[in-house]
Amino acid sequence: MPAKPRPLAASTPADWKAIEQAATAELAKRTQLAHQQIVGLLSTHGHLLSDAQRRALGKRLQRSGK
């Protein structure tokens, strides 16, 4: 299978802005997917957590929401 051609290096501010926007969109997409996967796991297996684990998880989620 032939290798993909390397993209040209960004040389203008507009190129850098486009790269930044694409990276931001990709990060948002991956973040949303990870969130969905975590919610799914907790929905399926959350009942297996101890009370202490649930409290710790709740604290971490509150801290991350700042």
PDB file of N, CA and C in Angstrom:
ATOM      1  N   MET A   1       0.849  -1.163   0.000  1.00  0.00           N
ATOM      2  CA  MET A   1       0.000   0.000   0.000  1.00  0.00           C
ATOM      3  C   MET A   1       0.902   1.236   0.000  1.00  0.00           C
ATOM      4  N   PRO A   2       0.698   2.161  -0.929  1.00  0.00           N
ATOM      5  CA  PRO A   2       1.569   3.334  -0.976  1.00  0.00           C
ATOM      6  C   PRO A   2       1.338   4.255   0.212  1.00  0.00           C
ATOM      7  N   ALA A   3       2.401   4.896   0.630  1.00  0.00           N
ATOM      8  CA  ALA A   3       2.308   5.827   1.760  1.00  0.00           C
ATOM      9  C   ALA A   3       1.559   7.078   1.326  1.00  0.00           C
ATOM     10  N   LYS A   4       0.862   7.665   2.287  1.00  0.00           N
ATOM     11  CA  LYS A   4       0.155   8.913   1.997  1.00  0.00           C
ATOM     12  C   LYS A   4       1.184  10.019   1.792  1.00  0.00           C
ATOM     13  N   PRO A   5       0.917  10.925   0.873  1.00  0.00           N
ATOM     14  CA  PRO A   5       1.856  12.036   0.712  1.00  0.00           C
ATOM     15  C   PRO A   5       1.812  12.946   1.930  1.00  0.00           C
ATOM     16  N   ARG A   6       2.963  13.457   2.300  1.00  0.00           N
ATOM     17  CA  ARG A   6       3.028  14.366   3.452  1.00  0.00           C
ATOM     18  C   ARG A   6       2.352  15.676   3.085  1.00  0.00           C
ATOM     19  N   PRO A   7       1.560  16.199   4.000  1.00  0.00           N
ATOM     20  CA  PRO A   7       0.950  17.495   3.715  1.00  0.00           C
ATOM     21  C   PRO A   7       2.017  18.583   3.671  1.00  0.00           C
ATOM     22  N   LEU A   8       1.746  19.601   2.892  1.00  0.00           N
ATOM     23  CA  LEU A   8       2.687  20.708   2.807  1.00  0.00           C
ATOM     24  C   LEU A   8       2.752  21.426   4.145  1.00  0.00           C
ATOM     25  N   ALA A   9       3.900  21.951   4.449  1.00  0.00           N
ATOM     26  CA  ALA A   9       4.072  22.684   5.703  1.00  0.00           C
ATOM     27  C   ALA A   9       3.319  24.009   5.623  1.00  0.00           C
ATOM     28  N   ALA A  10       2.771  24.402   6.750  1.00  0.00           N
ATOM     29  CA  ALA A  10       2.070  25.682   6.801  1.00  0.00           C
ATOM     30  C   ALA A  10       3.086  26.806   6.625  1.00  0.00           C
ATOM     31  N   SER A  11       2.736  27.743   5.775  1.00  0.00           N
ATOM     32  CA  SER A  11       3.682  28.830   5.532  1.00  0.00           C
ATOM     33  C   SER A  11       3.071  30.208   5.725  1.00  0.00           C
ATOM     34  N   THR A  12       1.763  30.270   5.829  1.00  0.00           N
ATOM     35  CA  THR A  12       1.115  31.570   6.007  1.00  0.00           C
ATOM     36  C   THR A  12       0.289  31.552   7.288  1.00  0.00           C
ATOM     37  N   PRO A  13      -0.027  32.719   7.802  1.00  0.00           N
ATOM     38  CA  PRO A  13      -0.898  32.765   8.984  1.00  0.00           C
ATOM     39  C   PRO A  13      -2.246  32.082   8.743  1.00  0.00           C
ATOM     40  N   ALA A  14      -2.761  32.182   7.534  1.00  0.00           N
ATOM     41  CA  ALA A  14      -4.036  31.525   7.219  1.00  0.00           C
ATOM     42  C   ALA A  14      -3.894  30.007   7.293  1.00  0.00           C
ATOM     43  N   ASP A  15      -2.751  29.494   6.837  1.00  0.00           N
ATOM     44  CA  ASP A  15      -2.502  28.049   6.931  1.00  0.00           C
ATOM     45  C   ASP A  15      -2.476  27.606   8.390  1.00  0.00           C
ATOM     46  N   TRP A  16      -1.774  28.376   9.222  1.00  0.00           N
ATOM     47  CA  TRP A  16      -1.686  28.035  10.641  1.00  0.00           C
ATOM     48  C   TRP A  16      -3.053  28.111  11.298  1.00  0.00           C
ATOM     49  N   LYS A  17      -3.848  29.095  10.924  1.00  0.00           N
ATOM     50  CA  LYS A  17      -5.189  29.243  11.486  1.00  0.00           C
ATOM     51  C   LYS A  17      -6.047  28.039  11.099  1.00  0.00           C
ATOM     52  N   ALA A  18      -5.944  27.592   9.853  1.00  0.00           N
ATOM     53  CA  ALA A  18      -6.704  26.425   9.402  1.00  0.00           C
ATOM     54  C   ALA A  18      -6.276  25.172  10.165  1.00  0.00           C
ATOM     55  N   ILE A  19      -4.979  25.026  10.393  1.00  0.00           N
ATOM     56  CA  ILE A  19      -4.474  23.879  11.159  1.00  0.00           C
ATOM     57  C   ILE A  19      -4.998  23.936  12.587  1.00  0.00           C
ATOM     58  N   GLU A  20      -4.959  25.119  13.183  1.00  0.00           N
ATOM     59  CA  GLU A  20      -5.451  25.283  14.547  1.00  0.00           C
ATOM     60  C   GLU A  20      -6.942  24.949  14.639  1.00  0.00           C
ATOM     61  N   GLN A  21      -7.723  25.411  13.678  1.00  0.00           N
ATOM     62  CA  GLN A  21      -9.161  25.134  13.686  1.00  0.00           C
ATOM     63  C   GLN A  21      -9.436  23.641  13.512  1.00  0.00           C
ATOM     64  N   ALA A  22      -8.682  22.992  12.624  1.00  0.00           N
ATOM     65  CA  ALA A  22      -8.856  21.556  12.425  1.00  0.00           C
ATOM     66  C   ALA A  22      -8.477  20.780  13.686  1.00  0.00           C
ATOM     67  N   ALA A  23      -7.396  21.191  14.341  1.00  0.00           N
ATOM     68  CA  ALA A  23      -6.971  20.519  15.572  1.00  0.00           C
ATOM     69  C   ALA A  23      -7.994  20.725  16.684  1.00  0.00           C
ATOM     70  N   THR A  24      -8.550  21.928  16.778  1.00  0.00           N
ATOM     71  CA  THR A  24      -9.566  22.215  17.788  1.00  0.00           C
ATOM     72  C   THR A  24     -10.810  21.369  17.553  1.00  0.00           C
ATOM     73  N   ALA A  25     -11.225  21.254  16.299  1.00  0.00           N
ATOM     74  CA  ALA A  25     -12.397  20.438  15.969  1.00  0.00           C
ATOM     75  C   ALA A  25     -12.144  18.963  16.285  1.00  0.00           C
ATOM     76  N   GLU A  26     -10.953  18.478  15.968  1.00  0.00           N
ATOM     77  CA  GLU A  26     -10.614  17.078  16.249  1.00  0.00           C
ATOM     78  C   GLU A  26     -10.592  16.817  17.752  1.00  0.00           C
ATOM     79  N   LEU A  27     -10.043  17.741  18.518  1.00  0.00           N
ATOM     80  CA  LEU A  27     -10.012  17.591  19.970  1.00  0.00           C
ATOM     81  C   LEU A  27     -11.426  17.565  20.539  1.00  0.00           C
ATOM     82  N   ALA A  28     -12.286  18.439  20.053  1.00  0.00           N
ATOM     83  CA  ALA A  28     -13.677  18.463  20.520  1.00  0.00           C
ATOM     84  C   ALA A  28     -14.380  17.152  20.190  1.00  0.00           C
ATOM     85  N   LYS A  29     -14.128  16.627  18.997  1.00  0.00           N
ATOM     86  CA  LYS A  29     -14.742  15.361  18.584  1.00  0.00           C
ATOM     87  C   LYS A  29     -14.278  14.216  19.479  1.00  0.00           C
ATOM     88  N   ARG A  30     -12.979  14.155  19.730  1.00  0.00           N
ATOM     89  CA  ARG A  30     -12.437  13.081  20.570  1.00  0.00           C
ATOM     90  C   ARG A  30     -12.904  13.209  22.017  1.00  0.00           C
ATOM     91  N   THR A  31     -13.013  14.440  22.499  1.00  0.00           N
ATOM     92  CA  THR A  31     -13.493  14.669  23.861  1.00  0.00           C
ATOM     93  C   THR A  31     -14.928  14.187  24.003  1.00  0.00           C
ATOM     94  N   GLN A  32     -15.768  14.514  23.035  1.00  0.00           N
ATOM     95  CA  GLN A  32     -17.169  14.092  23.072  1.00  0.00           C
ATOM     96  C   GLN A  32     -17.273  12.569  23.014  1.00  0.00           C
ATOM     97  N   LEU A  33     -16.481  11.938  22.168  1.00  0.00           N
ATOM     98  CA  LEU A  33     -16.497  10.480  22.069  1.00  0.00           C
ATOM     99  C   LEU A  33     -16.053   9.841  23.382  1.00  0.00           C
ATOM    100  N   ALA A  34     -15.002  10.368  23.992  1.00  0.00           N
ATOM    101  CA  ALA A  34     -14.531   9.833  25.275  1.00  0.00           C
ATOM    102  C   ALA A  34     -15.603   9.998  26.343  1.00  0.00           C
ATOM    103  N   HIS A  35     -16.271  11.144  26.352  1.00  0.00           N
ATOM    104  CA  HIS A  35     -17.339  11.390  27.320  1.00  0.00           C
ATOM    105  C   HIS A  35     -18.460  10.365  27.151  1.00  0.00           C
ATOM    106  N   GLN A  36     -18.856  10.119  25.913  1.00  0.00           N
ATOM    107  CA  GLN A  36     -19.911   9.136  25.655  1.00  0.00           C
ATOM    108  C   GLN A  36     -19.494   7.743  26.125  1.00  0.00           C
ATOM    109  N   GLN A  37     -18.240   7.387  25.891  1.00  0.00           N
ATOM    110  CA  GLN A  37     -17.761   6.071  26.308  1.00  0.00           C
ATOM    111  C   GLN A  37     -17.737   5.953  27.826  1.00  0.00           C
ATOM    112  N   ILE A  38     -17.308   6.998  28.512  1.00  0.00           N
ATOM    113  CA  ILE A  38     -17.260   6.969  29.977  1.00  0.00           C
ATOM    114  C   ILE A  38     -18.660   6.877  30.556  1.00  0.00           C
ATOM    115  N   VAL A  39     -19.581   7.668  30.025  1.00  0.00           N
ATOM    116  CA  VAL A  39     -20.967   7.617  30.503  1.00  0.00           C
ATOM    117  C   VAL A  39     -21.546   6.226  30.266  1.00  0.00           C
ATOM    118  N   GLY A  40     -21.245   5.632  29.129  1.00  0.00           N
ATOM    119  CA  GLY A  40     -21.714   4.282  28.846  1.00  0.00           C
ATOM    120  C   GLY A  40     -21.164   3.262  29.824  1.00  0.00           C
ATOM    121  N   LEU A  41     -19.874   3.358  30.114  1.00  0.00           N
ATOM    122  CA  LEU A  41     -19.264   2.434  31.075  1.00  0.00           C
ATOM    123  C   LEU A  41     -19.860   2.598  32.463  1.00  0.00           C
ATOM    124  N   LEU A  42     -20.048   3.856  32.877  1.00  0.00           N
ATOM    125  CA  LEU A  42     -20.627   4.086  34.201  1.00  0.00           C
ATOM    126  C   LEU A  42     -22.077   3.623  34.256  1.00  0.00           C
ATOM    127  N   SER A  43     -22.802   3.797  33.170  1.00  0.00           N
ATOM    128  CA  SER A  43     -24.192   3.336  33.138  1.00  0.00           C
ATOM    129  C   SER A  43     -24.260   1.814  33.244  1.00  0.00           C
ATOM    130  N   THR A  44     -23.318   1.155  32.598  1.00  0.00           N
ATOM    131  CA  THR A  44     -23.314  -0.305  32.584  1.00  0.00           C
ATOM    132  C   THR A  44     -22.726  -0.899  33.864  1.00  0.00           C
ATOM    133  N   HIS A  45     -21.636  -0.326  34.340  1.00  0.00           N
ATOM    134  CA  HIS A  45     -20.883  -0.944  35.433  1.00  0.00           C
ATOM    135  C   HIS A  45     -20.826  -0.105  36.708  1.00  0.00           C
ATOM    136  N   GLY A  46     -21.479   1.033  36.729  1.00  0.00           N
ATOM    137  CA  GLY A  46     -21.409   1.924  37.885  1.00  0.00           C
ATOM    138  C   GLY A  46     -21.898   1.300  39.172  1.00  0.00           C
ATOM    139  N   HIS A  47     -22.833   0.368  39.059  1.00  0.00           N
ATOM    140  CA  HIS A  47     -23.364  -0.278  40.263  1.00  0.00           C
ATOM    141  C   HIS A  47     -22.311  -1.129  40.972  1.00  0.00           C
ATOM    142  N   LEU A  48     -21.222  -1.429  40.287  1.00  0.00           N
ATOM    143  CA  LEU A  48     -20.160  -2.241  40.884  1.00  0.00           C
ATOM    144  C   LEU A  48     -19.187  -1.410  41.726  1.00  0.00           C
ATOM    145  N   LEU A  49     -19.278  -0.089  41.640  1.00  0.00           N
ATOM    146  CA  LEU A  49     -18.382   0.772  42.412  1.00  0.00           C
ATOM    147  C   LEU A  49     -18.803   0.803  43.874  1.00  0.00           C
ATOM    148  N   SER A  50     -17.821   0.914  44.739  1.00  0.00           N
ATOM    149  CA  SER A  50     -18.114   1.065  46.164  1.00  0.00           C
ATOM    150  C   SER A  50     -18.551   2.505  46.426  1.00  0.00           C
ATOM    151  N   ASP A  51     -19.099   2.745  47.617  1.00  0.00           N
ATOM    152  CA  ASP A  51     -19.500   4.106  47.977  1.00  0.00           C
ATOM    153  C   ASP A  51     -18.303   5.054  47.946  1.00  0.00           C
ATOM    154  N   ALA A  52     -17.157   4.584  48.439  1.00  0.00           N
ATOM    155  CA  ALA A  52     -15.953   5.419  48.445  1.00  0.00           C
ATOM    156  C   ALA A  52     -15.519   5.756  47.012  1.00  0.00           C
ATOM    157  N   GLN A  53     -15.599   4.782  46.123  1.00  0.00           N
ATOM    158  CA  GLN A  53     -15.233   5.029  44.729  1.00  0.00           C
ATOM    159  C   GLN A  53     -16.187   6.036  44.086  1.00  0.00           C
ATOM    160  N   ARG A  54     -17.456   5.924  44.390  1.00  0.00           N
ATOM    161  CA  ARG A  54     -18.439   6.875  43.839  1.00  0.00           C
ATOM    162  C   ARG A  54     -18.176   8.283  44.343  1.00  0.00           C
ATOM    163  N   ARG A  55     -17.880   8.412  45.636  1.00  0.00           N
ATOM    164  CA  ARG A  55     -17.572   9.738  46.191  1.00  0.00           C
ATOM    165  C   ARG A  55     -16.329  10.323  45.531  1.00  0.00           C
ATOM    166  N   ALA A  56     -15.288   9.509  45.398  1.00  0.00           N
ATOM    167  CA  ALA A  56     -14.047   9.979  44.780  1.00  0.00           C
ATOM    168  C   ALA A  56     -14.288  10.386  43.326  1.00  0.00           C
ATOM    169  N   LEU A  57     -15.067   9.608  42.621  1.00  0.00           N
ATOM    170  CA  LEU A  57     -15.380   9.934  41.233  1.00  0.00           C
ATOM    171  C   LEU A  57     -16.178  11.229  41.152  1.00  0.00           C
ATOM    172  N   GLY A  58     -17.130  11.387  42.044  1.00  0.00           N
ATOM    173  CA  GLY A  58     -17.915  12.623  42.079  1.00  0.00           C
ATOM    174  C   GLY A  58     -17.044  13.846  42.327  1.00  0.00           C
ATOM    175  N   LYS A  59     -16.079  13.718  43.250  1.00  0.00           N
ATOM    176  CA  LYS A  59     -15.167  14.831  43.539  1.00  0.00           C
ATOM    177  C   LYS A  59     -14.316  15.167  42.317  1.00  0.00           C
ATOM    178  N   ARG A  60     -13.825  14.144  41.639  1.00  0.00           N
ATOM    179  CA  ARG A  60     -12.993  14.382  40.452  1.00  0.00           C
ATOM    180  C   ARG A  60     -13.794  15.059  39.355  1.00  0.00           C
ATOM    181  N   LEU A  61     -15.033  14.630  39.184  1.00  0.00           N
ATOM    182  CA  LEU A  61     -15.867  15.234  38.146  1.00  0.00           C
ATOM    183  C   LEU A  61     -16.180  16.688  38.468  1.00  0.00           C
ATOM    184  N   GLN A  62     -16.390  16.991  39.745  1.00  0.00           N
ATOM    185  CA  GLN A  62     -16.647  18.381  40.133  1.00  0.00           C
ATOM    186  C   GLN A  62     -15.415  19.249  39.904  1.00  0.00           C
ATOM    187  N   ARG A  63     -14.237  18.716  40.235  1.00  0.00           N
ATOM    188  CA  ARG A  63     -12.998  19.477  40.029  1.00  0.00           C
ATOM    189  C   ARG A  63     -12.752  19.735  38.550  1.00  0.00           C
ATOM    190  N   SER A  64     -13.043  18.752  37.714  1.00  0.00           N
ATOM    191  CA  SER A  64     -12.765  18.905  36.283  1.00  0.00           C
ATOM    192  C   SER A  64     -13.731  19.876  35.623  1.00  0.00           C
ATOM    193  N   GLY A  65     -14.866  20.136  36.253  1.00  0.00           N
ATOM    194  CA  GLY A  65     -15.849  21.042  35.677  1.00  0.00           C
ATOM    195  C   GLY A  65     -15.568  22.505  35.928  1.00  0.00           C
ATOM    196  N   LYS A  66     -14.488  22.813  36.621  1.00  0.00           N
ATOM    197  CA  LYS A  66     -14.168  24.217  36.946  1.00  0.00           C
ATOM    198  C   LYS A  66     -13.752  24.985  35.726  1.00  0.00           C
TER     199      LYS A  66
END
